[in-house]
Protein backbone atom coordinates (compact mmCIF):
# COMPACT_ATOMS: atom_id res chain seq x y z
CA MET A 1 -20.32 27.01 -13.59
CA ALA A 2 -19.39 26.35 -17.18
CA VAL A 3 -17.26 23.14 -18.53
CA THR A 4 -15.05 23.66 -21.76
CA TYR A 5 -13.95 20.69 -23.36
CA SER A 6 -10.63 21.24 -25.57
CA GLY A 7 -8.04 19.36 -26.74
CA PHE A 8 -10.30 15.96 -27.93
CA SER A 9 -11.82 15.24 -31.66
CA ALA A 10 -14.76 14.09 -32.60
CA ALA A 11 -13.36 10.02 -33.64
CA PRO A 12 -10.43 7.99 -31.43
CA GLN A 13 -6.98 8.33 -32.74
CA ILE A 14 -5.53 5.81 -31.51
CA SER A 15 -7.74 2.39 -31.29
CA THR A 16 -5.47 -0.45 -31.43
CA LYS A 17 -4.47 -4.19 -28.65
CA VAL A 18 -1.16 -4.52 -27.37
CA THR A 19 0.28 -7.90 -25.86
CA ALA A 20 1.74 -8.01 -23.10
CA THR A 21 3.31 -9.49 -19.53
CA PRO A 22 3.20 -6.94 -16.68
CA GLY A 23 4.79 -9.59 -14.54
CA SER A 24 4.52 -9.88 -10.56
CA ILE A 25 2.96 -6.83 -8.65
CA THR A 26 3.67 -6.84 -5.09
CA THR A 27 1.52 -6.50 -2.35
CA VAL A 28 -0.33 -3.02 -1.28
CA THR A 29 1.54 -1.31 -4.76
CA ALA A 30 0.76 0.33 -7.12
CA THR A 31 3.54 -0.89 -10.51
CA GLU A 32 3.89 1.32 -12.94
CA VAL A 33 4.68 -0.86 -16.62
CA SER A 34 5.61 0.52 -20.09
CA LEU A 35 4.26 -0.74 -22.96
CA THR A 36 5.32 -0.05 -26.60
CA VAL A 37 2.15 1.19 -28.72
CA PRO A 38 2.95 2.92 -31.49
CA GLY A 39 1.80 6.71 -32.74
CA THR A 40 1.02 6.95 -28.90
CA GLN A 41 2.49 11.04 -28.07
CA PRO A 42 2.60 13.17 -24.51
CA GLY A 43 -0.73 14.96 -24.06
CA MET A 44 -3.04 12.37 -25.18
CA HIS A 45 -5.50 10.85 -22.83
CA TYR A 46 -5.60 6.87 -22.55
CA ILE A 47 -8.35 4.42 -21.53
CA VAL A 48 -7.03 1.64 -21.16
CA THR A 49 -8.25 -1.91 -20.42
CA ALA A 50 -8.04 -5.67 -20.26
CA PRO A 51 -10.94 -8.09 -19.91
CA ASP A 52 -8.53 -11.45 -18.58
CA LEU A 53 -7.22 -9.41 -15.63
CA GLU A 54 -6.12 -11.05 -12.87
CA THR A 55 -8.92 -10.88 -9.57
CA ASN A 56 -7.98 -7.36 -7.21
CA LEU A 57 -5.37 -6.39 -10.05
CA GLY A 58 -6.80 -2.74 -10.51
CA ILE A 59 -5.65 -0.13 -13.97
CA VAL A 60 -5.02 2.80 -12.49
CA SER A 61 -4.02 5.17 -14.90
CA ALA A 62 -2.59 5.25 -18.26
CA VAL A 63 0.48 8.16 -19.04
CA CYS A 64 2.62 8.40 -22.10
CA THR A 65 5.70 10.56 -21.77
CA THR A 66 7.47 9.88 -24.37
CA ALA A 67 6.45 8.84 -28.03
CA GLY A 68 5.42 5.56 -28.69
CA THR A 69 5.39 4.24 -24.98
CA LEU A 70 2.91 4.36 -22.68
CA LYS A 71 2.92 3.70 -19.39
CA VAL A 72 -0.02 1.62 -17.16
CA ARG A 73 0.05 1.45 -13.47
CA PHE A 74 -1.37 -1.18 -11.79
CA ILE A 75 -2.54 -1.76 -8.05
CA ASN A 76 -2.50 -4.75 -6.41
CA PRO A 77 -4.34 -4.08 -2.87
CA THR A 78 -4.69 -7.52 -1.62
CA ALA A 79 -1.63 -8.78 1.13
CA ALA A 80 -0.13 -11.25 -1.42
CA PRO A 81 1.78 -10.59 -4.54
CA ILE A 82 0.00 -11.65 -8.06
CA VAL A 83 1.70 -13.06 -10.86
CA SER A 84 0.28 -11.64 -14.37
CA ALA A 85 0.21 -13.57 -17.23
CA SER A 86 0.05 -12.34 -20.50
CA GLN A 87 -3.13 -10.14 -21.89
CA THR A 88 -4.34 -8.44 -24.77
CA PHE A 89 -5.23 -4.50 -23.06
CA TYR A 90 -7.28 -3.06 -25.76
CA ILE A 91 -6.07 0.53 -26.35
CA LEU A 92 -8.27 4.09 -26.83
CA GLY A 93 -6.26 6.63 -27.41
CA LEU A 94 -7.71 10.27 -27.06
């Protein structure tokens, strides 16, 4: 099986950090939070990390459907709400 790579440049197109407060993520659900990230464009691929993310809270995906706005989906698999504090998100856009 041949693998073809397309749409990626040799270097990241966006490498930035954003401080945001996702707020309360309800139980056993995924919640989408919009972050304002200058330079984001639909069709790009994103890696988002948060070193201080609360225990049991996970980042599932990040998608840009409108230029300048990144929708980050969080998941809370626990039986209790998780209130996420303000923190820094590191974003890499390819």
